[in-house]
Amino acid sequence: MFVANRVQQIRDQTSPSQWRHVETKCNPADDASRGITAKELVESSRWISGPEFLWTPEDQWPQPLENQDLVTPSDHPEVKKVTSYATSTQEQWNLAESLSYFSDWHRACRAVAICLRYKQNLRQLVYSKKESCAEPVKCQQRPALTVEEILSAEREILKAAQKVAFSKEMGLLKPFKEGQDRSSAQQKKRAMKATSSLYRLDPFLDHDGVLRVGGRIQRGDFTDETKFPVILPRKGHVTGLIIKYYHEKVQHQGRGMSLNEIRANGFWVIGGTSAVASKIAKCVTCRKLRGAVQEQKMSDLPEDRLEPAPPFTYCAVDYCGPWYIRRDARK
C-alpha cells in the first residue's frame, strides 16, 4: 500500500515524457538494495556522486526508446497476482436504520435537523453558482435549530420508518387522496388486503407523504394531528424511541397514561397496548418503582427437629418455684 500510494502520487504530478530509464550498471540504488562491502562503498563513487551521465549535458543522456511501452506485462515475475471480485448491491442508505445509534427521540430529531440544514445550505451554494459567476453567497449559520426544522426532521424520520414497515401499503395508496368520492374509497379498500394491519384504519397519505389514520372526524374543531394521527409499526427502533420519550414525559406512569399521551400527540401505534407494555417492562426506573417485594427464603430445619423423640426430651418445664413469700416481722 505504501508503494501504491507513492506510485499514484508520481502519476498525478508528472507525465510519462518526464521519465527516464537508468540502466542497472549506472543505477546507484542497486548498491543499497543488493548490498556492497565497506571497501566497495569507499571505492565506489556513484553512490555518493550519482550516475556518471548526470554530470554531462542533457543532450548526451541516454535517450528512451521510441514507442516504449510503460505498462508492465502481466507475466512479469515481480508482478503480484491479484484476484478481484466485483460485487453489486441494490441496497440503499436507510435513515431508519441509521437512527439505531440514538437512544433518545429528541436527540435523533436534532441530528436529522442538522443534516437537513446542511443539505439546504449546499443547495443554496449550488443555486448561487448557477445564477452568477460571481463569488457564491455564503449561507447564514443560525445559532440554534428552529421549531420548523425540528418538525421537518420528525416528518422525515416518520416517513423513513413507515417505508420500512408499510412499503407495499404506501405503494397502493399513492394513487388515492383523502376526500375523494365514495367509489374511490371503495377502490382503495379493495386494493388494501384484508390481512394488512392497516385495513381497518382507513389509511391515507397526506401532502407530505406521511401515512395517517383516516376517519369521519375531519370536520372536527381540533388539530389535524389529533384527527389523523401518524401510523407507526408495533416493532421498530423509531417506535421504541417515541414510546420511551412520552413514557418519561408522563413521569413513568402506567401503560394507560403513556398510551394516552402518545395518542394525544398525534401517533397511532399498531398494537399500542402491547407495545407500550413491552417497553415499560424494560424500563429500569419502572422496574425499581414497581418491582415485586422480595421475601427471604427460610433456611432448612435443624436435624433435632426432624428426628422422632418423646416429649420434653429437649425441653423442660419448672412446675415448682421458686416461690417468693413475704413474712411479717411482727408475728
Protein backbone atom coordinates (compact mmCIF):
# COMPACT_ATOMS: atom_id res chain seq x y z
CA MET A 1 0.00 0.00 0.00
CA PHE A 2 2.88 2.36 0.74
CA VAL A 3 4.38 1.77 -2.73
CA ALA A 4 0.99 2.03 -4.41
CA ASN A 5 0.37 5.43 -2.81
CA ARG A 6 3.76 6.74 -3.94
CA VAL A 7 3.27 5.45 -7.48
CA GLN A 8 -0.13 7.12 -7.66
CA GLN A 9 1.38 10.38 -6.41
CA ILE A 10 4.04 10.22 -9.13
CA ARG A 11 1.43 9.56 -11.81
CA ASP A 12 -0.68 12.51 -10.65
CA GLN A 13 2.14 15.06 -10.54
CA THR A 14 4.23 14.00 -13.56
CA SER A 15 3.82 12.85 -17.13
CA PRO A 16 5.50 9.84 -18.82
CA SER A 17 7.51 12.20 -21.05
CA GLN A 18 9.49 13.28 -17.98
CA TRP A 19 10.54 9.77 -17.04
CA ARG A 20 14.00 8.35 -17.91
CA HIS A 21 15.33 4.84 -17.57
CA VAL A 22 18.58 4.23 -15.68
CA GLU A 23 20.42 1.04 -16.57
CA THR A 24 21.48 -1.33 -13.85
CA LYS A 25 25.20 -0.71 -14.36
CA CYS A 26 24.66 3.02 -13.77
CA ASN A 27 21.95 2.84 -11.09
CA PRO A 28 23.29 3.68 -7.59
CA ALA A 29 20.08 2.39 -5.98
CA ASP A 30 21.26 -1.17 -6.65
CA ASP A 31 24.12 -0.65 -4.19
CA ALA A 32 21.61 -0.28 -1.36
CA SER A 33 19.14 -2.95 -2.45
CA ARG A 34 21.70 -5.60 -3.39
CA GLY A 35 24.31 -4.70 -0.78
CA ILE A 36 28.03 -3.89 -1.11
CA THR A 37 31.03 -4.16 1.20
CA ALA A 38 32.53 -1.22 3.04
CA LYS A 39 35.57 -1.27 0.76
CA GLU A 40 33.39 -1.16 -2.34
CA LEU A 41 31.37 1.70 -0.84
CA VAL A 42 34.51 3.73 -0.27
CA GLU A 43 35.92 2.99 -3.70
CA SER A 44 32.59 3.34 -5.49
CA SER A 45 31.77 6.92 -6.38
CA ARG A 46 28.32 6.50 -7.98
CA TRP A 47 26.65 6.05 -4.54
CA ILE A 48 27.92 9.48 -3.50
CA SER A 49 28.05 11.37 -6.78
CA GLY A 50 25.26 9.57 -8.67
CA PRO A 51 25.32 8.20 -12.24
CA GLU A 52 28.06 9.49 -14.48
CA PHE A 53 25.73 10.69 -17.23
CA LEU A 54 24.16 13.22 -14.84
CA TRP A 55 27.43 15.16 -14.93
CA THR A 56 27.18 15.54 -18.71
CA PRO A 57 24.88 17.82 -20.72
CA GLU A 58 21.30 16.63 -21.00
CA ASP A 59 21.55 16.05 -24.73
CA GLN A 60 24.16 13.35 -24.01
CA TRP A 61 21.92 11.43 -21.62
CA PRO A 62 20.65 8.00 -22.69
CA GLN A 63 17.60 8.52 -24.86
CA PRO A 64 14.45 6.46 -24.20
CA LEU A 65 13.36 4.01 -26.83
CA GLU A 66 10.69 5.19 -29.23
CA ASN A 67 7.17 3.92 -28.55
CA GLN A 68 8.38 2.37 -25.33
CA ASP A 69 5.58 0.56 -23.56
CA LEU A 70 5.39 1.83 -19.99
CA VAL A 71 2.91 -0.83 -18.91
CA THR A 72 4.43 -3.75 -17.08
CA PRO A 73 3.45 -7.05 -18.70
CA SER A 74 1.17 -9.26 -16.66
CA ASP A 75 3.58 -12.22 -16.93
CA HIS A 76 6.42 -10.30 -15.31
CA PRO A 77 7.86 -12.32 -12.39
CA GLU A 78 7.64 -9.37 -9.97
CA VAL A 79 4.01 -8.58 -10.72
CA LYS A 80 1.77 -9.69 -7.88
CA LYS A 81 -1.14 -11.85 -8.93
CA VAL A 82 -4.29 -10.17 -7.65
CA THR A 83 -7.76 -11.60 -7.99
CA SER A 84 -10.55 -9.05 -7.69
CA TYR A 85 -14.21 -9.85 -7.24
CA ALA A 86 -16.77 -7.33 -8.42
CA THR A 87 -19.95 -7.31 -6.40
CA SER A 88 -23.03 -5.21 -6.89
CA THR A 89 -25.75 -4.36 -4.44
CA GLN A 90 -29.02 -2.51 -4.69
CA GLU A 91 -29.37 -1.72 -1.02
CA GLN A 92 -29.73 1.99 -0.36
CA TRP A 93 -28.95 4.02 2.70
CA ASN A 94 -31.83 3.89 5.14
CA LEU A 95 -32.47 6.67 7.63
CA ALA A 96 -34.46 4.43 9.98
CA GLU A 97 -31.53 2.02 10.36
CA SER A 98 -29.08 4.86 10.98
CA LEU A 99 -31.18 6.05 13.92
CA SER A 100 -30.37 2.86 15.81
CA TYR A 101 -27.33 4.72 17.20
CA PHE A 102 -29.65 7.05 19.14
CA SER A 103 -31.39 6.23 22.42
CA ASP A 104 -33.35 9.49 22.73
CA TRP A 105 -36.10 10.74 20.41
CA HIS A 106 -35.26 14.42 20.83
CA ARG A 107 -31.58 13.89 20.06
CA ALA A 108 -32.42 11.88 16.96
CA CYS A 109 -34.65 14.70 15.68
CA ARG A 110 -31.93 17.27 16.33
CA ALA A 111 -29.32 15.22 14.47
CA VAL A 112 -31.57 14.83 11.42
CA ALA A 113 -32.47 18.54 11.55
CA ILE A 114 -28.78 19.48 11.42
CA CYS A 115 -28.30 17.21 8.40
CA LEU A 116 -31.28 18.79 6.65
CA ARG A 117 -29.91 22.26 7.35
CA TYR A 118 -26.56 21.27 5.86
CA LYS A 119 -28.36 19.87 2.82
CA GLN A 120 -30.24 23.13 2.36
CA ASN A 121 -27.02 25.14 2.65
CA LEU A 122 -25.39 23.06 -0.10
CA ARG A 123 -28.39 23.62 -2.35
CA GLN A 124 -28.16 27.37 -1.81
CA LEU A 125 -24.48 27.34 -2.75
CA VAL A 126 -25.15 25.40 -5.95
CA TYR A 127 -28.04 27.71 -6.84
CA SER A 128 -25.93 30.82 -6.29
CA LYS A 129 -23.19 29.43 -8.56
CA LYS A 130 -25.68 28.74 -11.34
CA GLU A 131 -27.25 32.19 -11.11
CA SER A 132 -24.00 34.13 -11.50
CA CYS A 133 -20.30 33.56 -11.98
CA ALA A 134 -19.51 35.83 -9.07
CA GLU A 135 -18.50 34.57 -5.68
CA PRO A 136 -21.34 32.50 -4.18
CA VAL A 137 -23.25 33.92 -1.27
CA LYS A 138 -22.31 32.30 2.00
CA CYS A 139 -25.12 30.57 3.84
CA GLN A 140 -26.05 32.14 7.13
CA GLN A 141 -25.41 29.85 10.06
CA ARG A 142 -28.26 30.16 12.51
CA PRO A 143 -27.17 29.68 16.11
CA ALA A 144 -29.94 27.28 17.11
CA LEU A 145 -32.42 24.96 15.45
CA THR A 146 -35.91 26.31 14.93
CA VAL A 147 -39.19 24.58 15.66
CA GLU A 148 -39.90 24.23 11.93
CA GLU A 149 -36.60 22.45 11.39
CA ILE A 150 -37.30 20.02 14.24
CA LEU A 151 -40.78 19.28 12.86
CA SER A 152 -39.38 18.76 9.36
CA ALA A 153 -36.80 16.33 10.73
CA GLU A 154 -39.53 14.50 12.62
CA ARG A 155 -41.54 14.06 9.41
CA GLU A 156 -38.52 12.66 7.58
CA ILE A 157 -37.90 10.14 10.37
CA LEU A 158 -41.54 9.04 10.40
CA LYS A 159 -41.61 8.61 6.62
CA ALA A 160 -38.44 6.53 6.75
CA ALA A 161 -39.88 4.27 9.44
CA GLN A 162 -43.14 3.86 7.51
CA LYS A 163 -41.35 2.98 4.27
CA VAL A 164 -39.64 0.10 6.02
CA ALA A 165 -42.79 -1.29 7.68
CA PHE A 166 -45.56 -0.35 5.20
CA SER A 167 -43.82 -0.14 1.82
CA LYS A 168 -46.47 -2.19 -0.02
CA GLU A 169 -49.40 -0.35 1.56
CA MET A 170 -47.90 3.04 0.75
CA GLY A 171 -47.39 1.99 -2.85
CA LEU A 172 -51.09 1.06 -3.12
CA LEU A 173 -52.26 4.30 -1.50
CA LYS A 174 -50.30 6.70 -3.72
CA PRO A 175 -52.98 6.96 -6.47
CA PHE A 176 -55.69 7.76 -3.89
CA LYS A 177 -56.15 11.02 -2.00
CA GLU A 178 -58.16 11.83 1.09
CA GLY A 179 -61.53 13.47 0.49
CA GLN A 180 -62.38 11.73 -2.80
CA ASP A 181 -65.77 10.30 -3.67
CA ARG A 182 -67.28 7.06 -2.37
CA SER A 183 -66.26 4.99 -5.42
CA SER A 184 -62.64 5.97 -4.97
CA ALA A 185 -62.81 4.98 -1.30
CA GLN A 186 -64.22 1.59 -2.26
CA GLN A 187 -61.41 1.04 -4.77
CA LYS A 188 -58.86 1.92 -2.12
CA LYS A 189 -60.45 -0.54 0.29
CA ARG A 190 -60.38 -3.31 -2.32
CA ALA A 191 -56.72 -2.57 -3.10
CA MET A 192 -55.81 -2.87 0.57
CA LYS A 193 -55.62 -6.52 1.56
CA ALA A 194 -57.80 -7.59 4.47
CA THR A 195 -54.80 -9.28 6.05
CA SER A 196 -52.95 -5.98 6.34
CA SER A 197 -52.68 -4.37 9.75
CA LEU A 198 -53.90 -1.08 8.21
CA TYR A 199 -57.10 -2.47 6.71
CA ARG A 200 -59.43 -1.17 9.45
CA LEU A 201 -57.70 2.19 9.91
CA ASP A 202 -58.78 3.72 6.56
CA PRO A 203 -55.20 4.96 5.95
CA PHE A 204 -54.20 7.72 3.54
CA LEU A 205 -51.09 9.68 2.57
CA ASP A 206 -51.07 13.39 3.39
CA HIS A 207 -49.43 16.10 1.27
CA ASP A 208 -46.06 15.40 2.96
CA GLY A 209 -46.19 11.68 2.17
CA VAL A 210 -46.84 10.63 5.78
CA LEU A 211 -49.18 7.70 6.36
CA ARG A 212 -52.06 8.67 8.66
CA VAL A 213 -55.26 7.19 10.10
CA GLY A 214 -58.41 8.17 8.23
CA GLY A 215 -61.93 8.51 9.57
CA ARG A 216 -65.05 10.66 9.60
CA ILE A 217 -63.97 13.37 12.03
CA GLN A 218 -62.17 15.63 9.56
CA ARG A 219 -64.73 18.38 10.22
CA GLY A 220 -63.90 18.39 13.92
CA ASP A 221 -62.69 21.60 15.50
CA PHE A 222 -59.25 20.36 16.61
CA THR A 223 -55.80 19.88 15.16
CA ASP A 224 -55.05 17.55 12.25
CA GLU A 225 -52.57 15.61 14.42
CA THR A 226 -55.43 14.67 16.72
CA LYS A 227 -57.90 13.91 13.92
CA PHE A 228 -55.46 11.97 11.75
CA PRO A 229 -52.62 10.52 13.85
CA VAL A 230 -49.48 9.16 12.24
CA ILE A 231 -49.40 5.38 11.90
CA LEU A 232 -46.37 3.64 13.41
CA PRO A 233 -45.47 -0.06 13.36
CA ARG A 234 -45.54 -2.04 16.57
CA LYS A 235 -41.89 -3.04 16.27
CA GLY A 236 -39.10 -0.73 15.28
CA HIS A 237 -36.45 1.46 16.83
CA VAL A 238 -38.27 4.68 15.94
CA THR A 239 -41.44 3.44 17.66
CA GLY A 240 -39.41 2.48 20.71
CA LEU A 241 -37.86 5.96 20.88
CA ILE A 242 -41.28 7.63 20.73
CA ILE A 243 -42.76 5.36 23.41
CA LYS A 244 -39.77 5.94 25.67
CA TYR A 245 -39.91 9.71 25.17
CA TYR A 246 -43.59 10.09 26.11
CA HIS A 247 -43.34 7.49 28.88
CA GLU A 248 -40.65 9.61 30.52
CA LYS A 249 -42.70 12.74 29.82
CA VAL A 250 -45.56 11.42 32.00
CA GLN A 251 -43.07 10.64 34.77
CA HIS A 252 -43.04 6.85 34.32
CA GLN A 253 -46.75 6.37 34.88
CA GLY A 254 -48.60 3.25 33.84
CA ARG A 255 -49.43 1.81 30.46
CA GLY A 256 -52.72 3.66 30.05
CA MET A 257 -51.30 7.11 30.80
CA SER A 258 -48.32 6.57 28.50
CA LEU A 259 -50.51 5.35 25.63
CA ASN A 260 -52.93 8.28 26.04
CA GLU A 261 -50.02 10.73 25.91
CA ILE A 262 -48.72 9.12 22.71
CA ARG A 263 -52.10 9.31 21.00
CA ALA A 264 -52.71 12.86 22.23
CA ASN A 265 -49.53 13.94 20.45
CA GLY A 266 -50.64 12.50 17.10
CA PHE A 267 -49.23 8.95 16.98
CA TRP A 268 -51.14 5.71 16.44
CA VAL A 269 -49.05 2.63 17.21
CA ILE A 270 -50.24 -0.67 15.75
CA GLY A 271 -50.93 -2.85 18.79
CA GLY A 272 -50.13 0.11 21.01
CA THR A 273 -51.24 -1.52 24.26
CA SER A 274 -48.82 -4.43 23.98
CA ALA A 275 -46.07 -2.25 22.52
CA VAL A 276 -46.20 0.21 25.42
CA ALA A 277 -46.42 -2.60 27.97
CA SER A 278 -43.38 -4.29 26.45
CA LYS A 279 -41.40 -1.04 26.59
CA ILE A 280 -42.43 -0.33 30.20
CA ALA A 281 -41.38 -3.85 31.20
CA LYS A 282 -37.83 -2.98 30.07
CA CYS A 283 -37.75 0.41 31.80
CA VAL A 284 -35.18 0.36 34.59
CA THR A 285 -36.91 3.08 36.60
CA CYS A 286 -40.28 1.31 36.46
CA ARG A 287 -38.74 -1.98 37.47
CA LYS A 288 -37.32 -0.29 40.55
CA LEU A 289 -40.53 1.52 41.46
CA ARG A 290 -43.00 -1.29 40.73
CA GLY A 291 -40.87 -4.33 41.43
CA ALA A 292 -42.34 -7.16 43.50
CA VAL A 293 -41.38 -7.26 47.16
CA GLN A 294 -38.69 -9.85 47.68
CA GLU A 295 -39.02 -12.37 50.52
CA GLN A 296 -36.21 -14.07 52.37
CA LYS A 297 -36.14 -17.79 51.86
CA MET A 298 -36.31 -19.74 55.11
CA SER A 299 -33.35 -21.94 55.93
CA ASP A 300 -33.57 -25.71 56.40
CA LEU A 301 -34.83 -27.11 59.70
CA PRO A 302 -32.21 -28.42 62.12
CA GLU A 303 -31.65 -32.14 62.49
CA ASP A 304 -33.02 -32.40 66.05
CA ARG A 305 -36.40 -31.08 64.85
CA LEU A 306 -36.70 -33.78 62.24
CA GLU A 307 -35.95 -36.85 64.39
CA PRO A 308 -38.76 -38.54 66.40
CA ALA A 309 -38.34 -38.27 70.21
CA PRO A 310 -40.59 -38.46 73.30
CA PRO A 311 -41.98 -35.24 74.72
CA PHE A 312 -39.75 -32.96 76.79
CA THR A 313 -36.59 -34.67 75.57
CA TYR A 314 -35.01 -31.41 74.59
CA CYS A 315 -37.04 -29.08 76.81
CA ALA A 316 -38.20 -28.85 80.45
CA VAL A 317 -40.87 -27.09 82.45
CA ASP A 318 -40.33 -25.91 86.04
CA TYR A 319 -43.61 -26.64 87.78
CA CYS A 320 -42.35 -25.65 91.26
CA GLY A 321 -40.77 -22.46 92.44
CA PRO A 322 -39.04 -20.64 93.31
CA TRP A 323 -41.93 -19.20 95.31
CA TYR A 324 -41.35 -15.78 96.77
CA ILE A 325 -43.17 -15.17 100.08
CA ARG A 326 -43.30 -12.27 102.48
CA ARG A 327 -43.01 -12.80 106.21
CA ASP A 328 -44.41 -10.32 108.63
CA ALA A 329 -41.81 -9.47 111.29
CA ARG A 330 -44.46 -8.52 113.90
CA LYS A 331 -45.66 -12.06 114.23
